[in-house]
All heavy atoms as atom14 arrays in JSON, in Angstrom:
{
  "sequence": "SVKGRFTISRDPAKTIVYLQMNNLHPADTAVYYCNLPTG",
  "atom14_mask": [
    [1, 1, 1, 1, 1, 1, 0, 0, 0, 0, 0, 0, 0, 0],
    [1, 1, 1, 1, 1, 1, 1, 0, 0, 0, 0, 0, 0, 0],
    [1, 1, 1, 1, 1, 1, 1, 1, 1, 0, 0, 0, 0, 0],
    [1, 1, 1, 1, 0, 0, 0, 0, 0, 0, 0, 0, 0, 0],
    [1, 1, 1, 1, 1, 1, 1, 1, 1, 1, 1, 0, 0, 0],
    [1, 1, 1, 1, 1, 1, 1, 1, 1, 1, 1, 0, 0, 0],
    [1, 1, 1, 1, 1, 1, 1, 0, 0, 0, 0, 0, 0, 0],
    [1, 1, 1, 1, 1, 1, 1, 1, 0, 0, 0, 0, 0, 0],
    [1, 1, 1, 1, 1, 1, 0, 0, 0, 0, 0, 0, 0, 0],
    [1, 1, 1, 1, 1, 1, 1, 1, 1, 1, 1, 0, 0, 0],
    [1, 1, 1, 1, 1, 1, 1, 1, 0, 0, 0, 0, 0, 0],
    [1, 1, 1, 1, 1, 1, 1, 0, 0, 0, 0, 0, 0, 0],
    [1, 1, 1, 1, 1, 0, 0, 0, 0, 0, 0, 0, 0, 0],
    [1, 1, 1, 1, 1, 1, 1, 1, 1, 0, 0, 0, 0, 0],
    [1, 1, 1, 1, 1, 1, 1, 0, 0, 0, 0, 0, 0, 0],
    [1, 1, 1, 1, 1, 1, 1, 1, 0, 0, 0, 0, 0, 0],
    [1, 1, 1, 1, 1, 1, 1, 0, 0, 0, 0, 0, 0, 0],
    [1, 1, 1, 1, 1, 1, 1, 1, 1, 1, 1, 1, 0, 0],
    [1, 1, 1, 1, 1, 1, 1, 1, 0, 0, 0, 0, 0, 0],
    [1, 1, 1, 1, 1, 1, 1, 1, 1, 0, 0, 0, 0, 0],
    [1, 1, 1, 1, 1, 1, 1, 1, 0, 0, 0, 0, 0, 0],
    [1, 1, 1, 1, 1, 1, 1, 1, 0, 0, 0, 0, 0, 0],
    [1, 1, 1, 1, 1, 1, 1, 1, 0, 0, 0, 0, 0, 0],
    [1, 1, 1, 1, 1, 1, 1, 1, 0, 0, 0, 0, 0, 0],
    [1, 1, 1, 1, 1, 1, 1, 1, 1, 1, 0, 0, 0, 0],
    [1, 1, 1, 1, 1, 1, 1, 0, 0, 0, 0, 0, 0, 0],
    [1, 1, 1, 1, 1, 0, 0, 0, 0, 0, 0, 0, 0, 0],
    [1, 1, 1, 1, 1, 1, 1, 1, 0, 0, 0, 0, 0, 0],
    [1, 1, 1, 1, 1, 1, 1, 0, 0, 0, 0, 0, 0, 0],
    [1, 1, 1, 1, 1, 0, 0, 0, 0, 0, 0, 0, 0, 0],
    [1, 1, 1, 1, 1, 1, 1, 0, 0, 0, 0, 0, 0, 0],
    [1, 1, 1, 1, 1, 1, 1, 1, 1, 1, 1, 1, 0, 0],
    [1, 1, 1, 1, 1, 1, 1, 1, 1, 1, 1, 1, 0, 0],
    [1, 1, 1, 1, 1, 1, 0, 0, 0, 0, 0, 0, 0, 0],
    [1, 1, 1, 1, 1, 1, 1, 1, 0, 0, 0, 0, 0, 0],
    [1, 1, 1, 1, 1, 1, 1, 1, 0, 0, 0, 0, 0, 0],
    [1, 1, 1, 1, 1, 1, 1, 0, 0, 0, 0, 0, 0, 0],
    [1, 1, 1, 1, 1, 1, 1, 0, 0, 0, 0, 0, 0, 0],
    [1, 1, 1, 1, 0, 0, 0, 0, 0, 0, 0, 0, 0, 0]
  ],
  "atom14_positions": [
    [[-7.42, 4.22, -9.3], [-8.47, 4.12, -8.3], [-8.03, 4.56, -6.91], [-8.88, 4.83, -6.06], [-9.0, 2.68, -8.24], [-7.96, 1.77, -7.92], [0.0, 0.0, 0.0], [0.0, 0.0, 0.0], [0.0, 0.0, 0.0], [0.0, 0.0, 0.0], [0.0, 0.0, 0.0], [0.0, 0.0, 0.0], [0.0, 0.0, 0.0], [0.0, 0.0, 0.0]],
    [[-6.72, 4.63, -6.67], [-6.24, 4.98, -5.34], [-5.38, 6.23, -5.32], [-4.96, 6.66, -4.24], [-5.46, 3.81, -4.7], [-6.29, 2.54, -4.72], [-4.12, 3.59, -5.4], [0.0, 0.0, 0.0], [0.0, 0.0, 0.0], [0.0, 0.0, 0.0], [0.0, 0.0, 0.0], [0.0, 0.0, 0.0], [0.0, 0.0, 0.0], [0.0, 0.0, 0.0]],
    [[-5.13, 6.83, -6.47], [-4.31, 8.03, -6.51], [-4.9, 9.13, -5.65], [-6.1, 9.39, -5.67], [-4.17, 8.53, -7.95], [-3.23, 7.72, -8.81], [-3.14, 8.29, -10.22], [-2.18, 7.48, -11.07], [-2.14, 7.98, -12.47], [0.0, 0.0, 0.0], [0.0, 0.0, 0.0], [0.0, 0.0, 0.0], [0.0, 0.0, 0.0], [0.0, 0.0, 0.0]],
    [[-4.04, 9.77, -4.89], [-4.46, 10.84, -4.01], [-4.96, 10.36, -2.68], [-5.16, 11.18, -1.77], [0.0, 0.0, 0.0], [0.0, 0.0, 0.0], [0.0, 0.0, 0.0], [0.0, 0.0, 0.0], [0.0, 0.0, 0.0], [0.0, 0.0, 0.0], [0.0, 0.0, 0.0], [0.0, 0.0, 0.0], [0.0, 0.0, 0.0], [0.0, 0.0, 0.0]],
    [[-5.18, 9.06, -2.53], [-5.68, 8.52, -1.28], [-4.69, 7.58, -0.6], [-4.65, 7.52, 0.63], [-7.0, 7.76, -1.51], [-8.11, 8.63, -2.09], [-9.44, 7.89, -2.1], [-9.4, 6.71, -2.96], [-9.59, 5.46, -2.53], [-9.84, 5.23, -1.25], [-9.55, 4.44, -3.38], [0.0, 0.0, 0.0], [0.0, 0.0, 0.0], [0.0, 0.0, 0.0]],
    [[-3.92, 6.85, -1.39], [-2.96, 5.89, -0.85], [-1.54, 6.41, -1.04], [-1.23, 7.07, -2.04], [-3.07, 4.54, -1.57], [-4.32, 3.75, -1.28], [-5.41, 4.32, -0.64], [-4.4, 2.43, -1.67], [-6.57, 3.59, -0.39], [-5.54, 1.68, -1.42], [-6.63, 2.26, -0.79], [0.0, 0.0, 0.0], [0.0, 0.0, 0.0], [0.0, 0.0, 0.0]],
    [[-0.68, 6.08, -0.1], [0.73, 6.44, -0.18], [1.58, 5.25, 0.18], [1.4, 4.65, 1.25], [1.07, 7.61, 0.75], [0.25, 8.75, 0.43], [2.53, 8.01, 0.6], [0.0, 0.0, 0.0], [0.0, 0.0, 0.0], [0.0, 0.0, 0.0], [0.0, 0.0, 0.0], [0.0, 0.0, 0.0], [0.0, 0.0, 0.0], [0.0, 0.0, 0.0]],
    [[2.51, 4.9, -0.69], [3.44, 3.81, -0.41], [4.77, 4.41, 0.02], [5.21, 5.42, -0.53], [3.6, 2.89, -1.64], [4.4, 1.64, -1.29], [4.2, 3.62, -2.83], [4.35, 0.56, -2.37], [0.0, 0.0, 0.0], [0.0, 0.0, 0.0], [0.0, 0.0, 0.0], [0.0, 0.0, 0.0], [0.0, 0.0, 0.0], [0.0, 0.0, 0.0]],
    [[5.4, 3.79, 1.0], [6.65, 4.33, 1.52], [7.49, 3.21, 2.12], [7.0, 2.12, 2.39], [6.39, 5.41, 2.57], [5.69, 4.89, 3.69], [0.0, 0.0, 0.0], [0.0, 0.0, 0.0], [0.0, 0.0, 0.0], [0.0, 0.0, 0.0], [0.0, 0.0, 0.0], [0.0, 0.0, 0.0], [0.0, 0.0, 0.0], [0.0, 0.0, 0.0]],
    [[8.76, 3.51, 2.3], [9.71, 2.57, 2.9], [10.15, 3.07, 4.26], [10.28, 4.27, 4.49], [10.96, 2.4, 2.05], [10.79, 1.84, 0.68], [12.17, 1.54, 0.08], [12.29, 0.13, -0.24], [12.05, -0.36, -1.46], [11.7, 0.44, -2.45], [12.17, -1.66, -1.65], [0.0, 0.0, 0.0], [0.0, 0.0, 0.0], [0.0, 0.0, 0.0]],
    [[10.4, 2.13, 5.16], [11.07, 2.47, 6.4], [12.52, 2.76, 6.06], [13.17, 1.97, 5.38], [10.97, 1.32, 7.4], [11.49, 1.69, 8.76], [12.7, 1.94, 8.89], [10.69, 1.72, 9.71], [0.0, 0.0, 0.0], [0.0, 0.0, 0.0], [0.0, 0.0, 0.0], [0.0, 0.0, 0.0], [0.0, 0.0, 0.0], [0.0, 0.0, 0.0]],
    [[13.06, 3.88, 6.55], [14.43, 4.23, 6.17], [15.5, 3.3, 6.72], [16.63, 3.3, 6.22], [14.6, 5.65, 6.74], [13.62, 5.73, 7.86], [12.45, 4.9, 7.42], [0.0, 0.0, 0.0], [0.0, 0.0, 0.0], [0.0, 0.0, 0.0], [0.0, 0.0, 0.0], [0.0, 0.0, 0.0], [0.0, 0.0, 0.0], [0.0, 0.0, 0.0]],
    [[15.17, 2.5, 7.73], [16.18, 1.66, 8.37], [15.82, 0.18, 8.41], [16.63, -0.62, 8.87], [16.44, 2.16, 9.79], [0.0, 0.0, 0.0], [0.0, 0.0, 0.0], [0.0, 0.0, 0.0], [0.0, 0.0, 0.0], [0.0, 0.0, 0.0], [0.0, 0.0, 0.0], [0.0, 0.0, 0.0], [0.0, 0.0, 0.0], [0.0, 0.0, 0.0]],
    [[14.64, -0.19, 7.94], [14.2, -1.57, 8.01], [13.63, -2.02, 6.68], [13.25, -1.2, 5.85], [13.14, -1.75, 9.11], [13.62, -1.37, 10.5], [12.51, -1.54, 11.52], [12.97, -1.16, 12.91], [11.88, -1.3, 13.91], [0.0, 0.0, 0.0], [0.0, 0.0, 0.0], [0.0, 0.0, 0.0], [0.0, 0.0, 0.0], [0.0, 0.0, 0.0]],
    [[13.56, -3.33, 6.49], [12.98, -3.89, 5.27], [11.46, -3.98, 5.43], [10.88, -5.07, 5.45], [13.59, -5.25, 4.95], [13.46, -6.11, 6.09], [15.06, -5.1, 4.59], [0.0, 0.0, 0.0], [0.0, 0.0, 0.0], [0.0, 0.0, 0.0], [0.0, 0.0, 0.0], [0.0, 0.0, 0.0], [0.0, 0.0, 0.0], [0.0, 0.0, 0.0]],
    [[10.86, -2.84, 5.55], [9.41, -2.73, 5.71], [8.89, -1.7, 4.74], [9.47, -0.62, 4.6], [9.02, -2.34, 7.15], [9.5, -3.38, 8.16], [7.51, -2.18, 7.27], [9.25, -3.01, 9.6], [0.0, 0.0, 0.0], [0.0, 0.0, 0.0], [0.0, 0.0, 0.0], [0.0, 0.0, 0.0], [0.0, 0.0, 0.0], [0.0, 0.0, 0.0]],
    [[7.8, -2.03, 4.08], [7.12, -1.11, 3.18], [5.71, -0.91, 3.69], [5.05, -1.87, 4.1], [7.11, -1.64, 1.74], [6.29, -0.73, 0.83], [8.54, -1.74, 1.2], [0.0, 0.0, 0.0], [0.0, 0.0, 0.0], [0.0, 0.0, 0.0], [0.0, 0.0, 0.0], [0.0, 0.0, 0.0], [0.0, 0.0, 0.0], [0.0, 0.0, 0.0]],
    [[5.26, 0.33, 3.65], [3.95, 0.68, 4.17], [3.01, 1.1, 3.05], [3.44, 1.58, 2.0], [4.06, 1.83, 5.17], [4.94, 1.53, 6.36], [6.26, 1.97, 6.39], [4.45, 0.82, 7.44], [7.08, 1.7, 7.47], [5.25, 0.54, 8.52], [6.56, 0.98, 8.54], [7.36, 0.71, 9.62], [0.0, 0.0, 0.0], [0.0, 0.0, 0.0]],
    [[1.74, 0.94, 3.3], [0.72, 1.48, 2.43], [-0.26, 2.23, 3.32], [-1.07, 1.62, 4.03], [0.0, 0.38, 1.65], [-1.03, 0.88, 0.63], [-0.33, 1.62, -0.52], [-1.86, -0.26, 0.09], [0.0, 0.0, 0.0], [0.0, 0.0, 0.0], [0.0, 0.0, 0.0], [0.0, 0.0, 0.0], [0.0, 0.0, 0.0], [0.0, 0.0, 0.0]],
    [[-0.16, 3.55, 3.29], [-1.09, 4.39, 4.03], [-2.32, 4.63, 3.18], [-2.21, 5.11, 2.05], [-0.43, 5.72, 4.41], [-1.34, 6.63, 5.22], [-0.68, 7.94, 5.58], [0.53, 8.09, 5.45], [-1.47, 8.89, 6.04], [0.0, 0.0, 0.0], [0.0, 0.0, 0.0], [0.0, 0.0, 0.0], [0.0, 0.0, 0.0], [0.0, 0.0, 0.0]],
    [[-3.46, 4.28, 3.7], [-4.71, 4.36, 2.96], [-5.63, 5.35, 3.67], [-6.02, 5.14, 4.82], [-5.37, 2.99, 2.85], [-4.45, 1.92, 2.27], [-5.29, 0.32, 2.07], [-5.61, -0.09, 3.79], [0.0, 0.0, 0.0], [0.0, 0.0, 0.0], [0.0, 0.0, 0.0], [0.0, 0.0, 0.0], [0.0, 0.0, 0.0], [0.0, 0.0, 0.0]],
    [[-5.97, 6.41, 2.98], [-6.86, 7.44, 3.51], [-8.14, 7.5, 2.7], [-8.18, 7.07, 1.55], [-6.17, 8.8, 3.49], [-4.93, 8.86, 4.35], [-4.89, 8.3, 5.44], [-3.91, 9.57, 3.87], [0.0, 0.0, 0.0], [0.0, 0.0, 0.0], [0.0, 0.0, 0.0], [0.0, 0.0, 0.0], [0.0, 0.0, 0.0], [0.0, 0.0, 0.0]],
    [[-9.16, 8.07, 3.31], [-10.45, 8.24, 2.64], [-10.9, 6.94, 1.99], [-11.22, 6.89, 0.8], [-10.38, 9.37, 1.62], [-11.74, 9.76, 1.08], [-12.77, 9.54, 1.72], [-11.77, 10.33, -0.13], [0.0, 0.0, 0.0], [0.0, 0.0, 0.0], [0.0, 0.0, 0.0], [0.0, 0.0, 0.0], [0.0, 0.0, 0.0], [0.0, 0.0, 0.0]],
    [[-10.94, 5.91, 2.77], [-11.27, 4.59, 2.23], [-12.72, 4.51, 1.78], [-13.62, 5.1, 2.39], [-10.99, 3.53, 3.28], [-9.5, 3.22, 3.47], [-9.27, 2.52, 4.81], [-8.99, 2.36, 2.32], [0.0, 0.0, 0.0], [0.0, 0.0, 0.0], [0.0, 0.0, 0.0], [0.0, 0.0, 0.0], [0.0, 0.0, 0.0], [0.0, 0.0, 0.0]],
    [[-12.92, 3.78, 0.7], [-14.24, 3.55, 0.12], [-14.63, 2.1, 0.31], [-13.78, 1.23, 0.44], [-14.22, 3.85, -1.39], [-13.75, 5.21, -1.75], [-13.32, 5.51, -3.02], [-13.64, 6.36, -1.04], [-12.97, 6.78, -3.08], [-13.15, 7.31, -1.87], [0.0, 0.0, 0.0], [0.0, 0.0, 0.0], [0.0, 0.0, 0.0], [0.0, 0.0, 0.0]],
    [[-15.92, 1.8, 0.29], [-16.33, 0.4, 0.32], [-15.7, -0.42, -0.8], [-15.42, -1.6, -0.61], [-17.86, 0.47, 0.16], [-18.22, 1.78, 0.79], [-17.08, 2.71, 0.41], [0.0, 0.0, 0.0], [0.0, 0.0, 0.0], [0.0, 0.0, 0.0], [0.0, 0.0, 0.0], [0.0, 0.0, 0.0], [0.0, 0.0, 0.0], [0.0, 0.0, 0.0]],
    [[-15.44, 0.21, -1.95], [-14.81, -0.48, -3.06], [-13.37, -0.87, -2.77], [-12.79, -1.66, -3.52], [-14.87, 0.38, -4.32], [0.0, 0.0, 0.0], [0.0, 0.0, 0.0], [0.0, 0.0, 0.0], [0.0, 0.0, 0.0], [0.0, 0.0, 0.0], [0.0, 0.0, 0.0], [0.0, 0.0, 0.0], [0.0, 0.0, 0.0], [0.0, 0.0, 0.0]],
    [[-12.79, -0.32, -1.73], [-11.43, -0.7, -1.34], [-11.4, -2.0, -0.56], [-10.32, -2.5, -0.24], [-10.79, 0.4, -0.5], [-10.59, 1.69, -1.27], [-10.18, 1.63, -2.45], [-10.84, 2.76, -0.69], [0.0, 0.0, 0.0], [0.0, 0.0, 0.0], [0.0, 0.0, 0.0], [0.0, 0.0, 0.0], [0.0, 0.0, 0.0], [0.0, 0.0, 0.0]],
    [[-12.56, -2.53, -0.23], [-12.63, -3.79, 0.5], [-12.0, -4.9, -0.33], [-12.41, -5.15, -1.46], [-14.08, -4.14, 0.83], [-14.61, -3.15, 1.72], [-14.17, -5.5, 1.5], [0.0, 0.0, 0.0], [0.0, 0.0, 0.0], [0.0, 0.0, 0.0], [0.0, 0.0, 0.0], [0.0, 0.0, 0.0], [0.0, 0.0, 0.0], [0.0, 0.0, 0.0]],
    [[-11.01, -5.55, 0.23], [-10.26, -6.58, -0.49], [-9.23, -7.18, 0.45], [-8.99, -6.68, 1.55], [-9.57, -5.99, -1.72], [0.0, 0.0, 0.0], [0.0, 0.0, 0.0], [0.0, 0.0, 0.0], [0.0, 0.0, 0.0], [0.0, 0.0, 0.0], [0.0, 0.0, 0.0], [0.0, 0.0, 0.0], [0.0, 0.0, 0.0], [0.0, 0.0, 0.0]],
    [[-8.63, -8.25, -0.01], [-7.44, -8.76, 0.63], [-6.25, -8.1, -0.03], [-6.13, -8.1, -1.26], [-7.33, -10.29, 0.52], [-6.03, -10.79, 1.15], [-8.52, -10.96, 1.19], [0.0, 0.0, 0.0], [0.0, 0.0, 0.0], [0.0, 0.0, 0.0], [0.0, 0.0, 0.0], [0.0, 0.0, 0.0], [0.0, 0.0, 0.0], [0.0, 0.0, 0.0]],
    [[-5.39, -7.53, 0.76], [-4.22, -6.81, 0.26], [-2.98, -7.67, 0.44], [-2.74, -8.22, 1.51], [-4.06, -5.48, 0.99], [-5.05, -4.44, 0.54], [-6.39, -4.56, 0.89], [-4.66, -3.36, -0.25], [-7.32, -3.62, 0.46], [-5.58, -2.42, -0.67], [-6.91, -2.55, -0.32], [-7.82, -1.61, -0.74], [0.0, 0.0, 0.0], [0.0, 0.0, 0.0]],
    [[-2.18, -7.75, -0.62], [-0.99, -8.58, -0.65], [0.23, -7.74, -1.0], [0.15, -6.85, -1.85], [-1.09, -9.67, -1.72], [-2.25, -10.63, -1.56], [-3.49, -10.35, -2.13], [-2.1, -11.83, -0.88], [-4.54, -11.23, -2.01], [-3.14, -12.71, -0.75], [-4.37, -12.41, -1.32], [-5.41, -13.3, -1.2], [0.0, 0.0, 0.0], [0.0, 0.0, 0.0]],
    [[1.36, -8.05, -0.39], [2.6, -7.46, -0.86], [3.28, -8.44, -1.8], [3.13, -9.67, -1.69], [3.52, -7.04, 0.29], [3.93, -8.3, 1.5], [0.0, 0.0, 0.0], [0.0, 0.0, 0.0], [0.0, 0.0, 0.0], [0.0, 0.0, 0.0], [0.0, 0.0, 0.0], [0.0, 0.0, 0.0], [0.0, 0.0, 0.0], [0.0, 0.0, 0.0]],
    [[4.02, -7.88, -2.72], [4.61, -8.64, -3.81], [6.05, -8.2, -4.02], [6.34, -7.01, -4.11], [3.8, -8.42, -5.1], [4.53, -8.82, -6.36], [5.35, -8.06, -6.88], [4.23, -10.01, -6.85], [0.0, 0.0, 0.0], [0.0, 0.0, 0.0], [0.0, 0.0, 0.0], [0.0, 0.0, 0.0], [0.0, 0.0, 0.0], [0.0, 0.0, 0.0]],
    [[6.94, -9.17, -4.12], [8.33, -8.91, -4.44], [8.66, -9.69, -5.7], [8.56, -10.92, -5.71], [9.24, -9.32, -3.28], [10.69, -8.81, -3.32], [11.27, -8.81, -1.91], [11.56, -9.66, -4.24], [0.0, 0.0, 0.0], [0.0, 0.0, 0.0], [0.0, 0.0, 0.0], [0.0, 0.0, 0.0], [0.0, 0.0, 0.0], [0.0, 0.0, 0.0]],
    [[9.02, -9.02, -6.77], [9.2, -9.71, -8.04], [10.49, -10.52, -8.09], [11.49, -10.2, -7.45], [9.25, -8.55, -9.05], [9.79, -7.4, -8.28], [9.22, -7.56, -6.9], [0.0, 0.0, 0.0], [0.0, 0.0, 0.0], [0.0, 0.0, 0.0], [0.0, 0.0, 0.0], [0.0, 0.0, 0.0], [0.0, 0.0, 0.0], [0.0, 0.0, 0.0]],
    [[10.42, -11.58, -8.89], [11.59, -12.4, -9.16], [12.2, -12.07, -10.51], [13.27, -12.57, -10.84], [11.24, -13.89, -9.14], [10.25, -14.17, -10.14], [10.69, -14.3, -7.77], [0.0, 0.0, 0.0], [0.0, 0.0, 0.0], [0.0, 0.0, 0.0], [0.0, 0.0, 0.0], [0.0, 0.0, 0.0], [0.0, 0.0, 0.0], [0.0, 0.0, 0.0]],
    [[11.49, -11.25, -11.29], [11.96, -10.9, -12.61], [11.42, -11.77, -13.71], [11.8, -11.6, -14.87], [0.0, 0.0, 0.0], [0.0, 0.0, 0.0], [0.0, 0.0, 0.0], [0.0, 0.0, 0.0], [0.0, 0.0, 0.0], [0.0, 0.0, 0.0], [0.0, 0.0, 0.0], [0.0, 0.0, 0.0], [0.0, 0.0, 0.0], [0.0, 0.0, 0.0]]
  ]
}
């Protein structure tokens, strides 16, 4: 649903991850959460 519109990336020097969202649709309306797995 987000291929070609969203891009995930890391800051090269910090513990920060970004989600660039382009061409947003009304269907993209949501609460967005980041997740770090425990395994």
